[in-house]
Amino acid sequence: MCVCSQDRFALCSVFNHLLDDSPLPANEVSSSVLVATYSNSTLQNGRGAIGGGKPTMNGEVEKGLLTLISSDTPGLQICDPSGRWYLADSGSGPGDLLLITGKALNYATAGLRPAASYRASPDYFLSPNGGGRTSLAYRLMPQGNAILDCSPIAAAGHIIPQSYVRISVSQFMDDLAAEELTGSRCDNADVSYLSYYFI
């Protein structure tokens, strides 16, 4: 099925208010981030996964809209809907991108696109032959002064649970940071979605 340019524009306009202006005004910092990392197989303090960060043996949930990841070797696990971890990038090759959906997209779509739980593969980092992993991740983040609002989803005919109220992105991210203090885990309620894109 072919989507005409007018329909494509209508789909994009639903999320445009969440994104930075394009082009970005002078002296303004982008909300989104491009992270290049090299992780040695003998990690210190369990850091790894996407761009370093906290220990990931229990997993973490992507916070932004989505993240695109390209890496030279496998090493990223995703939690499936039944609560099992699997190596998500095992079949990826040069030019492949892994797409991970985030909490902000989950909220903006009233749960239609659940956030993915991910972690560095423990098998990869415990391997004595592992020579390291290089990855490039682009995190598409909403701008802090935007409002997460599900009204476009409701207008499209979806029923929106009452828990999805309008909230500023900055408040939403603050709430996620507070939740993070309690720890994260692979939870059946957070069904992971990811896709491969071939370039």
N, C-alpha and C. Protein backbone atom coordinates (compact mmCIF):
# COMPACT_ATOMS: atom_id res chain seq x y z
N MET A 1 0.84 -1.17 0.00
CA MET A 1 0.00 0.00 0.00
C MET A 1 0.89 1.24 0.00
N CYS A 2 0.57 2.17 -0.83
CA CYS A 2 1.33 3.40 -0.95
C CYS A 2 0.65 4.50 -0.15
N VAL A 3 1.42 5.19 0.63
CA VAL A 3 0.89 6.31 1.40
C VAL A 3 1.21 7.59 0.64
N CYS A 4 0.17 8.35 0.31
CA CYS A 4 0.42 9.59 -0.44
C CYS A 4 1.12 10.61 0.45
N SER A 5 1.73 11.61 -0.16
CA SER A 5 2.52 12.58 0.60
C SER A 5 1.65 13.37 1.58
N GLN A 6 0.39 13.60 1.24
CA GLN A 6 -0.50 14.32 2.16
C GLN A 6 -0.76 13.49 3.42
N ASP A 7 -0.98 12.17 3.27
CA ASP A 7 -1.17 11.30 4.43
C ASP A 7 0.10 11.22 5.26
N ARG A 8 1.25 11.13 4.58
CA ARG A 8 2.52 11.08 5.28
C ARG A 8 2.73 12.35 6.10
N PHE A 9 2.40 13.51 5.52
CA PHE A 9 2.53 14.78 6.22
C PHE A 9 1.62 14.81 7.45
N ALA A 10 0.40 14.30 7.31
CA ALA A 10 -0.54 14.28 8.44
C ALA A 10 -0.01 13.40 9.56
N LEU A 11 0.59 12.25 9.21
CA LEU A 11 1.16 11.38 10.24
C LEU A 11 2.32 12.06 10.96
N CYS A 12 3.18 12.73 10.21
CA CYS A 12 4.34 13.40 10.81
C CYS A 12 3.92 14.58 11.68
N SER A 13 2.88 15.29 11.27
CA SER A 13 2.49 16.49 12.01
C SER A 13 2.00 16.17 13.41
N VAL A 14 1.59 14.94 13.66
CA VAL A 14 1.14 14.54 14.99
C VAL A 14 2.29 14.66 15.99
N PHE A 15 3.52 14.43 15.55
CA PHE A 15 4.67 14.43 16.45
C PHE A 15 5.57 15.65 16.30
N ASN A 16 5.36 16.48 15.29
CA ASN A 16 6.24 17.62 15.04
C ASN A 16 6.40 18.54 16.25
N HIS A 17 5.35 18.76 17.01
CA HIS A 17 5.43 19.67 18.16
C HIS A 17 6.36 19.14 19.26
N LEU A 18 6.66 17.85 19.22
CA LEU A 18 7.55 17.26 20.22
C LEU A 18 9.03 17.43 19.88
N LEU A 19 9.31 17.71 18.61
CA LEU A 19 10.69 17.71 18.14
C LEU A 19 11.29 19.11 18.10
N ASP A 20 12.62 19.16 18.08
CA ASP A 20 13.33 20.43 17.94
C ASP A 20 13.00 21.06 16.60
N ASP A 21 13.15 22.39 16.54
CA ASP A 21 12.98 23.09 15.28
C ASP A 21 14.04 22.63 14.30
N SER A 22 13.70 22.63 13.03
CA SER A 22 14.67 22.25 12.01
C SER A 22 14.69 23.32 10.93
N PRO A 23 15.78 23.98 10.72
CA PRO A 23 17.06 23.81 11.41
C PRO A 23 17.00 24.41 12.82
N LEU A 24 17.89 23.93 13.64
CA LEU A 24 17.98 24.39 15.02
C LEU A 24 18.45 25.84 15.05
N PRO A 25 17.80 26.70 15.84
CA PRO A 25 18.26 28.09 15.94
C PRO A 25 19.70 28.16 16.47
N ALA A 26 20.40 29.22 16.11
CA ALA A 26 21.79 29.41 16.55
C ALA A 26 21.87 29.37 18.07
N ASN A 27 22.92 28.77 18.58
CA ASN A 27 23.22 28.67 20.01
C ASN A 27 22.19 27.85 20.79
N GLU A 28 21.39 27.04 20.12
CA GLU A 28 20.43 26.18 20.81
C GLU A 28 20.94 24.74 20.76
N VAL A 29 20.82 24.04 21.87
CA VAL A 29 21.29 22.66 21.97
C VAL A 29 20.14 21.72 21.61
N SER A 30 20.45 20.69 20.86
CA SER A 30 19.44 19.72 20.46
C SER A 30 19.00 18.86 21.64
N SER A 31 17.74 18.48 21.66
CA SER A 31 17.23 17.55 22.67
C SER A 31 17.72 16.14 22.39
N SER A 32 17.89 15.82 21.11
CA SER A 32 18.32 14.49 20.70
C SER A 32 19.83 14.38 20.78
N VAL A 33 20.31 13.13 20.86
CA VAL A 33 21.73 12.90 21.11
C VAL A 33 22.26 11.80 20.20
N LEU A 34 23.46 11.98 19.69
CA LEU A 34 24.17 10.95 18.94
C LEU A 34 25.34 10.50 19.81
N VAL A 35 25.38 9.20 20.13
CA VAL A 35 26.39 8.67 21.05
C VAL A 35 27.20 7.58 20.35
N ALA A 36 28.51 7.75 20.33
CA ALA A 36 29.41 6.72 19.82
C ALA A 36 30.14 6.11 21.02
N THR A 37 30.15 4.78 21.12
CA THR A 37 30.80 4.14 22.25
C THR A 37 31.64 2.95 21.81
N TYR A 38 32.66 2.68 22.60
CA TYR A 38 33.41 1.46 22.48
C TYR A 38 33.39 0.82 23.85
N SER A 39 32.91 -0.42 23.92
CA SER A 39 32.85 -1.13 25.19
C SER A 39 33.80 -2.31 25.12
N ASN A 40 34.77 -2.32 26.03
CA ASN A 40 35.69 -3.44 26.12
C ASN A 40 34.94 -4.61 26.73
N SER A 41 35.32 -5.83 26.39
CA SER A 41 34.61 -7.00 26.92
C SER A 41 34.81 -7.15 28.42
N THR A 42 35.83 -6.53 28.98
CA THR A 42 36.02 -6.56 30.43
C THR A 42 35.59 -5.21 30.97
N LEU A 43 34.29 -5.08 31.17
CA LEU A 43 33.73 -3.81 31.62
C LEU A 43 34.00 -3.57 33.09
N GLN A 44 34.09 -2.31 33.44
CA GLN A 44 34.22 -1.94 34.84
C GLN A 44 32.87 -1.45 35.31
N ASN A 45 32.45 -1.89 36.47
CA ASN A 45 31.19 -1.47 37.09
C ASN A 45 29.97 -1.85 36.25
N GLY A 46 30.10 -2.82 35.35
CA GLY A 46 28.95 -3.28 34.57
C GLY A 46 28.43 -2.28 33.55
N ARG A 47 29.22 -1.26 33.23
CA ARG A 47 28.73 -0.25 32.28
C ARG A 47 28.82 -0.78 30.87
N GLY A 48 27.86 -0.38 30.06
CA GLY A 48 27.84 -0.84 28.68
C GLY A 48 26.55 -0.46 28.01
N ALA A 49 25.98 -1.38 27.29
CA ALA A 49 24.72 -1.18 26.57
C ALA A 49 24.82 -0.03 25.60
N ILE A 50 23.98 0.98 25.76
CA ILE A 50 23.95 2.09 24.82
C ILE A 50 24.60 3.30 25.46
N GLY A 51 25.80 3.62 25.05
CA GLY A 51 26.43 4.84 25.50
C GLY A 51 26.85 4.85 26.95
N GLY A 52 27.27 3.72 27.50
CA GLY A 52 27.68 3.69 28.89
C GLY A 52 26.48 3.73 29.80
N GLY A 53 26.64 4.31 30.99
CA GLY A 53 25.49 4.46 31.87
C GLY A 53 25.52 3.49 33.02
N LYS A 54 24.36 3.29 33.61
CA LYS A 54 24.26 2.47 34.80
C LYS A 54 24.40 0.99 34.48
N PRO A 55 24.66 0.13 35.48
CA PRO A 55 24.73 -1.30 35.24
C PRO A 55 23.43 -1.79 34.60
N THR A 56 23.56 -2.72 33.64
CA THR A 56 22.38 -3.10 32.88
C THR A 56 22.04 -4.57 32.97
N MET A 57 22.51 -5.28 33.97
CA MET A 57 22.20 -6.69 34.07
C MET A 57 20.70 -6.92 34.25
N ASN A 58 19.99 -6.01 34.90
CA ASN A 58 18.55 -6.13 35.05
C ASN A 58 17.79 -5.43 33.94
N GLY A 59 18.47 -4.69 33.11
CA GLY A 59 17.84 -4.00 31.99
C GLY A 59 17.42 -2.59 32.36
N GLU A 60 17.19 -1.82 31.32
CA GLU A 60 16.65 -0.48 31.49
C GLU A 60 15.69 -0.22 30.35
N VAL A 61 14.85 0.78 30.52
CA VAL A 61 13.84 1.10 29.52
C VAL A 61 14.24 2.40 28.84
N GLU A 62 14.17 2.42 27.51
CA GLU A 62 14.46 3.63 26.76
C GLU A 62 13.47 4.72 27.17
N LYS A 63 13.97 5.94 27.36
CA LYS A 63 13.13 7.02 27.88
C LYS A 63 12.57 7.95 26.81
N GLY A 64 13.28 8.13 25.72
CA GLY A 64 12.87 9.09 24.70
C GLY A 64 11.79 8.55 23.78
N LEU A 65 11.75 9.11 22.57
CA LEU A 65 10.79 8.66 21.57
C LEU A 65 11.26 7.34 20.96
N LEU A 66 12.48 7.34 20.45
CA LEU A 66 13.06 6.12 19.89
C LEU A 66 14.56 6.26 19.81
N THR A 67 15.23 5.13 19.67
CA THR A 67 16.68 5.10 19.52
C THR A 67 17.02 4.19 18.35
N LEU A 68 17.91 4.68 17.49
CA LEU A 68 18.44 3.89 16.38
C LEU A 68 19.86 3.50 16.73
N ILE A 69 20.19 2.21 16.59
CA ILE A 69 21.51 1.71 16.99
C ILE A 69 22.14 0.93 15.85
N SER A 70 23.40 1.22 15.60
CA SER A 70 24.21 0.44 14.67
C SER A 70 25.46 0.01 15.43
N SER A 71 25.83 -1.27 15.31
CA SER A 71 27.02 -1.74 16.02
C SER A 71 27.79 -2.72 15.14
N ASP A 72 29.06 -2.90 15.49
CA ASP A 72 29.91 -3.79 14.70
C ASP A 72 29.79 -5.25 15.11
N THR A 73 29.35 -5.51 16.32
CA THR A 73 29.15 -6.88 16.79
C THR A 73 27.89 -6.94 17.65
N PRO A 74 27.27 -8.12 17.75
CA PRO A 74 26.09 -8.27 18.60
C PRO A 74 26.44 -8.03 20.06
N GLY A 75 25.44 -7.70 20.85
CA GLY A 75 25.67 -7.51 22.27
C GLY A 75 24.52 -6.81 22.98
N LEU A 76 23.38 -6.66 22.32
CA LEU A 76 22.25 -5.96 22.94
C LEU A 76 21.05 -6.90 23.02
N GLN A 77 20.54 -7.08 24.23
CA GLN A 77 19.39 -7.93 24.45
C GLN A 77 18.14 -7.08 24.65
N ILE A 78 16.99 -7.62 24.20
CA ILE A 78 15.69 -6.99 24.37
C ILE A 78 14.80 -7.97 25.11
N CYS A 79 13.92 -7.46 25.95
CA CYS A 79 12.99 -8.30 26.69
C CYS A 79 11.73 -8.50 25.84
N ASP A 80 11.35 -9.76 25.59
CA ASP A 80 10.16 -10.01 24.78
C ASP A 80 8.90 -9.95 25.65
N PRO A 81 7.71 -10.01 25.04
CA PRO A 81 6.47 -9.88 25.80
C PRO A 81 6.28 -10.93 26.89
N SER A 82 6.94 -12.09 26.76
CA SER A 82 6.80 -13.13 27.78
C SER A 82 7.84 -13.00 28.90
N GLY A 83 8.68 -11.97 28.84
CA GLY A 83 9.64 -11.74 29.90
C GLY A 83 11.00 -12.38 29.68
N ARG A 84 11.23 -12.94 28.49
CA ARG A 84 12.53 -13.56 28.19
C ARG A 84 13.41 -12.58 27.45
N TRP A 85 14.70 -12.62 27.77
CA TRP A 85 15.68 -11.77 27.09
C TRP A 85 16.24 -12.51 25.89
N TYR A 86 16.40 -11.81 24.78
CA TYR A 86 17.01 -12.40 23.59
C TYR A 86 17.97 -11.40 22.96
N LEU A 87 18.96 -11.94 22.24
CA LEU A 87 19.96 -11.11 21.58
C LEU A 87 19.31 -10.49 20.34
N ALA A 88 19.05 -9.20 20.39
CA ALA A 88 18.28 -8.52 19.34
C ALA A 88 19.10 -8.24 18.10
N ASP A 89 20.39 -8.07 18.25
CA ASP A 89 21.21 -7.69 17.10
C ASP A 89 22.09 -8.83 16.59
N SER A 90 21.67 -10.07 16.86
CA SER A 90 22.49 -11.22 16.44
C SER A 90 22.56 -11.36 14.93
N GLY A 91 21.51 -10.98 14.21
CA GLY A 91 21.51 -11.12 12.77
C GLY A 91 21.84 -9.85 12.01
N SER A 92 22.26 -8.84 12.73
CA SER A 92 22.52 -7.56 12.06
C SER A 92 23.89 -7.56 11.39
N GLY A 93 23.97 -6.81 10.32
CA GLY A 93 25.22 -6.68 9.59
C GLY A 93 25.51 -5.22 9.33
N PRO A 94 26.55 -4.94 8.57
CA PRO A 94 26.88 -3.56 8.24
C PRO A 94 25.70 -2.86 7.56
N GLY A 95 25.38 -1.68 8.03
CA GLY A 95 24.29 -0.91 7.45
C GLY A 95 22.93 -1.17 8.08
N ASP A 96 22.83 -2.14 8.98
CA ASP A 96 21.56 -2.42 9.65
C ASP A 96 21.40 -1.53 10.87
N LEU A 97 20.18 -1.13 11.12
CA LEU A 97 19.87 -0.32 12.29
C LEU A 97 18.83 -1.03 13.13
N LEU A 98 19.03 -1.02 14.42
CA LEU A 98 18.06 -1.54 15.37
C LEU A 98 17.27 -0.35 15.90
N LEU A 99 15.94 -0.43 15.86
CA LEU A 99 15.09 0.66 16.34
C LEU A 99 14.45 0.21 17.64
N ILE A 100 14.66 1.00 18.70
CA ILE A 100 14.08 0.71 20.00
C ILE A 100 13.11 1.83 20.35
N THR A 101 11.89 1.47 20.69
CA THR A 101 10.89 2.47 21.06
C THR A 101 11.05 2.85 22.53
N GLY A 102 10.68 4.09 22.86
CA GLY A 102 10.88 4.59 24.20
C GLY A 102 9.61 4.96 24.95
N LYS A 103 9.79 5.33 26.21
CA LYS A 103 8.67 5.68 27.10
C LYS A 103 7.90 6.90 26.61
N ALA A 104 8.60 7.90 26.06
CA ALA A 104 7.90 9.09 25.58
C ALA A 104 6.98 8.74 24.41
N LEU A 105 7.44 7.87 23.50
CA LEU A 105 6.59 7.43 22.39
C LEU A 105 5.43 6.59 22.91
N ASN A 106 5.70 5.75 23.89
CA ASN A 106 4.65 4.95 24.52
C ASN A 106 3.56 5.87 25.06
N TYR A 107 3.96 6.92 25.75
CA TYR A 107 2.98 7.84 26.35
C TYR A 107 2.25 8.64 25.27
N ALA A 108 2.98 9.13 24.28
CA ALA A 108 2.37 9.95 23.22
C ALA A 108 1.38 9.15 22.39
N THR A 109 1.55 7.82 22.33
CA THR A 109 0.63 6.97 21.57
C THR A 109 -0.34 6.24 22.49
N ALA A 110 -0.43 6.66 23.74
CA ALA A 110 -1.34 6.05 24.72
C ALA A 110 -1.15 4.54 24.82
N GLY A 111 0.10 4.11 24.77
CA GLY A 111 0.42 2.71 24.94
C GLY A 111 0.38 1.87 23.67
N LEU A 112 0.07 2.47 22.53
CA LEU A 112 0.03 1.71 21.28
C LEU A 112 1.41 1.23 20.86
N ARG A 113 2.45 1.97 21.22
CA ARG A 113 3.83 1.59 20.94
C ARG A 113 4.59 1.49 22.26
N PRO A 114 4.57 0.30 22.88
CA PRO A 114 5.22 0.14 24.18
C PRO A 114 6.73 0.38 24.13
N ALA A 115 7.27 0.79 25.25
CA ALA A 115 8.71 1.04 25.37
C ALA A 115 9.46 -0.28 25.50
N ALA A 116 10.66 -0.31 24.94
CA ALA A 116 11.49 -1.52 24.97
C ALA A 116 12.39 -1.53 26.20
N SER A 117 12.50 -2.70 26.82
CA SER A 117 13.48 -2.93 27.88
C SER A 117 14.70 -3.55 27.21
N TYR A 118 15.88 -3.05 27.54
CA TYR A 118 17.10 -3.56 26.91
C TYR A 118 18.22 -3.65 27.93
N ARG A 119 19.25 -4.41 27.57
CA ARG A 119 20.45 -4.52 28.40
C ARG A 119 21.59 -5.04 27.55
N ALA A 120 22.79 -4.85 28.06
CA ALA A 120 23.97 -5.45 27.42
C ALA A 120 23.90 -6.95 27.66
N SER A 121 24.27 -7.72 26.68
CA SER A 121 24.23 -9.17 26.80
C SER A 121 25.27 -9.65 27.80
N PRO A 122 24.85 -10.32 28.88
CA PRO A 122 25.84 -10.81 29.85
C PRO A 122 26.79 -11.83 29.23
N ASP A 123 26.30 -12.65 28.29
CA ASP A 123 27.15 -13.65 27.63
C ASP A 123 28.28 -12.99 26.87
N TYR A 124 27.98 -11.89 26.19
CA TYR A 124 29.00 -11.20 25.42
C TYR A 124 30.09 -10.65 26.34
N PHE A 125 29.69 -10.03 27.44
CA PHE A 125 30.67 -9.39 28.30
C PHE A 125 31.42 -10.37 29.19
N LEU A 126 30.89 -11.59 29.33
CA LEU A 126 31.60 -12.61 30.10
C LEU A 126 32.54 -13.43 29.22
N SER A 127 32.43 -13.28 27.92
CA SER A 127 33.25 -14.06 26.99
C SER A 127 34.71 -13.62 27.07
N PRO A 128 35.65 -14.58 27.27
CA PRO A 128 37.06 -14.22 27.33
C PRO A 128 37.61 -13.80 25.97
N ASN A 129 36.93 -14.19 24.87
CA ASN A 129 37.40 -13.87 23.53
C ASN A 129 36.81 -12.57 22.99
N GLY A 130 35.91 -11.97 23.73
CA GLY A 130 35.27 -10.73 23.26
C GLY A 130 36.30 -9.63 23.13
N GLY A 131 36.39 -9.03 21.96
CA GLY A 131 37.38 -7.99 21.71
C GLY A 131 36.84 -6.59 21.86
N GLY A 132 35.61 -6.47 22.27
CA GLY A 132 35.01 -5.16 22.40
C GLY A 132 33.89 -4.97 21.40
N ARG A 133 33.13 -3.92 21.61
CA ARG A 133 31.97 -3.64 20.77
C ARG A 133 31.89 -2.14 20.54
N THR A 134 31.78 -1.75 19.28
CA THR A 134 31.63 -0.35 18.93
C THR A 134 30.21 -0.14 18.45
N SER A 135 29.56 0.91 18.95
CA SER A 135 28.20 1.18 18.52
C SER A 135 27.98 2.68 18.36
N LEU A 136 26.99 2.99 17.52
CA LEU A 136 26.57 4.35 17.29
C LEU A 136 25.07 4.37 17.54
N ALA A 137 24.63 5.22 18.46
CA ALA A 137 23.21 5.29 18.82
C ALA A 137 22.71 6.72 18.66
N TYR A 138 21.56 6.85 18.01
CA TYR A 138 20.90 8.15 17.88
C TYR A 138 19.63 8.10 18.70
N ARG A 139 19.58 8.90 19.74
CA ARG A 139 18.41 8.96 20.62
C ARG A 139 17.55 10.15 20.24
N LEU A 140 16.37 9.89 19.69
CA LEU A 140 15.43 10.95 19.34
C LEU A 140 14.62 11.28 20.59
N MET A 141 14.89 12.45 21.13
CA MET A 141 14.26 12.89 22.37
C MET A 141 13.30 14.04 22.09
N PRO A 142 12.19 14.10 22.83
CA PRO A 142 11.30 15.25 22.68
C PRO A 142 11.92 16.47 23.36
N GLN A 143 11.59 17.66 22.86
CA GLN A 143 12.11 18.87 23.50
C GLN A 143 11.43 19.05 24.86
N GLY A 144 12.18 19.57 25.82
CA GLY A 144 11.72 19.66 27.20
C GLY A 144 10.48 20.50 27.42
N ASN A 145 10.26 21.50 26.59
CA ASN A 145 9.09 22.37 26.80
C ASN A 145 7.86 21.90 26.04
N ALA A 146 7.93 20.75 25.37
CA ALA A 146 6.78 20.20 24.64
C ALA A 146 5.80 19.55 25.62
N ILE A 147 4.60 19.29 25.13
CA ILE A 147 3.56 18.64 25.92
C ILE A 147 3.24 17.29 25.29
N LEU A 148 3.29 16.23 26.11
CA LEU A 148 2.86 14.92 25.65
C LEU A 148 1.33 14.88 25.78
N ASP A 149 0.67 14.69 24.66
CA ASP A 149 -0.79 14.77 24.61
C ASP A 149 -1.29 13.68 23.67
N CYS A 150 -2.25 12.90 24.12
CA CYS A 150 -2.77 11.78 23.33
C CYS A 150 -3.99 12.15 22.50
N SER A 151 -4.36 13.42 22.43
CA SER A 151 -5.57 13.80 21.69
C SER A 151 -5.51 13.40 20.21
N PRO A 152 -4.34 13.45 19.52
CA PRO A 152 -4.33 12.98 18.13
C PRO A 152 -4.65 11.48 18.02
N ILE A 153 -4.26 10.71 19.02
CA ILE A 153 -4.56 9.28 19.02
C ILE A 153 -6.05 9.07 19.23
N ALA A 154 -6.64 9.85 20.14
CA ALA A 154 -8.09 9.77 20.36
C ALA A 154 -8.85 10.20 19.10
N ALA A 155 -8.34 11.25 18.43
CA ALA A 155 -8.99 11.73 17.21
C ALA A 155 -8.94 10.69 16.10
N ALA A 156 -7.96 9.81 16.16
CA ALA A 156 -7.84 8.74 15.17
C ALA A 156 -8.76 7.56 15.49
N GLY A 157 -9.50 7.66 16.61
CA GLY A 157 -10.48 6.63 16.94
C GLY A 157 -10.07 5.65 18.01
N HIS A 158 -8.91 5.84 18.61
CA HIS A 158 -8.47 4.94 19.68
C HIS A 158 -9.02 5.40 21.02
N ILE A 159 -9.32 4.44 21.87
CA ILE A 159 -9.79 4.76 23.22
C ILE A 159 -8.56 5.00 24.09
N ILE A 160 -8.55 6.13 24.77
CA ILE A 160 -7.41 6.53 25.58
C ILE A 160 -7.72 6.28 27.06
N PRO A 161 -6.92 5.45 27.75
CA PRO A 161 -7.12 5.27 29.19
C PRO A 161 -6.97 6.60 29.93
N GLN A 162 -7.70 6.74 31.02
CA GLN A 162 -7.70 8.00 31.78
C GLN A 162 -6.34 8.34 32.37
N SER A 163 -5.47 7.35 32.49
CA SER A 163 -4.14 7.61 33.07
C SER A 163 -3.26 8.44 32.14
N TYR A 164 -3.62 8.55 30.86
CA TYR A 164 -2.84 9.33 29.90
C TYR A 164 -3.36 10.76 29.82
N VAL A 165 -2.88 11.59 30.73
CA VAL A 165 -3.27 13.00 30.76
C VAL A 165 -2.16 13.84 30.12
N ARG A 166 -2.50 15.06 29.73
CA ARG A 166 -1.48 15.96 29.18
C ARG A 166 -0.41 16.20 30.24
N ILE A 167 0.84 16.13 29.82
CA ILE A 167 1.95 16.36 30.76
C ILE A 167 3.12 16.96 29.98
N SER A 168 3.84 17.86 30.62
CA SER A 168 5.02 18.43 29.96
C SER A 168 6.11 17.38 29.89
N VAL A 169 6.92 17.46 28.86
CA VAL A 169 8.01 16.50 28.69
C VAL A 169 8.97 16.59 29.87
N SER A 170 9.25 17.81 30.35
CA SER A 170 10.19 17.95 31.48
C SER A 170 9.64 17.25 32.72
N GLN A 171 8.34 17.37 33.00
CA GLN A 171 7.75 16.69 34.15
C GLN A 171 7.75 15.18 33.94
N PHE A 172 7.45 14.75 32.73
CA PHE A 172 7.44 13.33 32.39
C PHE A 172 8.82 12.72 32.62
N MET A 173 9.87 13.41 32.16
CA MET A 173 11.24 12.91 32.34
C MET A 173 11.64 12.92 33.81
N ASP A 174 11.22 13.93 34.56
CA ASP A 174 11.49 13.96 36.00
C ASP A 174 10.84 12.77 36.69
N ASP A 175 9.60 12.46 36.30
CA ASP A 175 8.90 11.31 36.88
C ASP A 175 9.62 10.01 36.54
N LEU A 176 10.12 9.89 35.30
CA LEU A 176 10.88 8.69 34.92
C LEU A 176 12.16 8.56 35.72
N ALA A 177 12.83 9.69 35.96
CA ALA A 177 14.07 9.66 36.75
C ALA A 177 13.78 9.19 38.17
N ALA A 178 12.65 9.63 38.74
CA ALA A 178 12.27 9.20 40.08
C ALA A 178 11.96 7.70 40.10
N GLU A 179 11.28 7.21 39.06
CA GLU A 179 11.00 5.77 38.95
C GLU A 179 12.28 4.96 38.83
N GLU A 180 13.26 5.52 38.13
CA GLU A 180 14.52 4.82 37.89
C GLU A 180 15.24 4.52 39.20
N LEU A 181 15.04 5.34 40.20
CA LEU A 181 15.68 5.12 41.49
C LEU A 181 15.21 3.82 42.14
N THR A 182 13.99 3.39 41.81
CA THR A 182 13.48 2.15 42.37
C THR A 182 13.98 0.93 41.61
N GLY A 183 14.71 1.16 40.51
CA GLY A 183 15.27 0.05 39.73
C GLY A 183 14.36 -0.31 38.57
N SER A 184 14.96 -0.98 37.59
CA SER A 184 14.17 -1.42 36.44
C SER A 184 14.35 -2.91 36.27
N ARG A 185 13.37 -3.51 35.61
CA ARG A 185 13.41 -4.94 35.39
C ARG A 185 12.66 -5.25 34.10
N CYS A 186 12.78 -6.48 33.66
CA CYS A 186 12.01 -6.93 32.50
C CYS A 186 10.62 -7.24 32.99
N ASP A 187 9.64 -6.45 32.58
CA ASP A 187 8.28 -6.56 33.07
C ASP A 187 7.35 -6.86 31.90
N ASN A 188 6.47 -7.81 32.08
CA ASN A 188 5.54 -8.17 31.01
C ASN A 188 4.66 -7.00 30.60
N ALA A 189 4.46 -6.02 31.46
CA ALA A 189 3.64 -4.87 31.11
C ALA A 189 4.35 -3.99 30.08
N ASP A 190 5.67 -4.01 30.08
CA ASP A 190 6.42 -3.24 29.09
C ASP A 190 6.81 -4.17 27.94
N VAL A 191 5.93 -4.29 26.98
CA VAL A 191 6.18 -5.15 25.82
C VAL A 191 7.17 -4.43 24.92
N SER A 192 8.22 -5.11 24.54
CA SER A 192 9.24 -4.45 23.74
C SER A 192 8.93 -4.55 22.25
N TYR A 193 9.22 -3.46 21.56
CA TYR A 193 9.08 -3.41 20.11
C TYR A 193 10.38 -2.91 19.54
N LEU A 194 10.84 -3.55 18.51
CA LEU A 194 12.03 -3.09 17.82
C LEU A 194 11.92 -3.49 16.37
N SER A 195 12.69 -2.86 15.56
CA SER A 195 12.68 -3.14 14.13
C SER A 195 14.09 -3.02 13.60
N TYR A 196 14.34 -3.68 12.48
CA TYR A 196 15.59 -3.50 11.75
C TYR A 196 15.30 -2.66 10.53
N TYR A 197 16.18 -1.74 10.23
CA TYR A 197 16.10 -0.97 9.01
C TYR A 197 17.36 -1.22 8.22
N PHE A 198 17.21 -1.53 6.96
CA PHE A 198 18.35 -1.83 6.11
C PHE A 198 18.64 -0.64 5.23
N ILE A 199 19.89 -0.22 5.25
CA ILE A 199 20.30 0.96 4.48
C ILE A 199 20.98 0.51 3.21
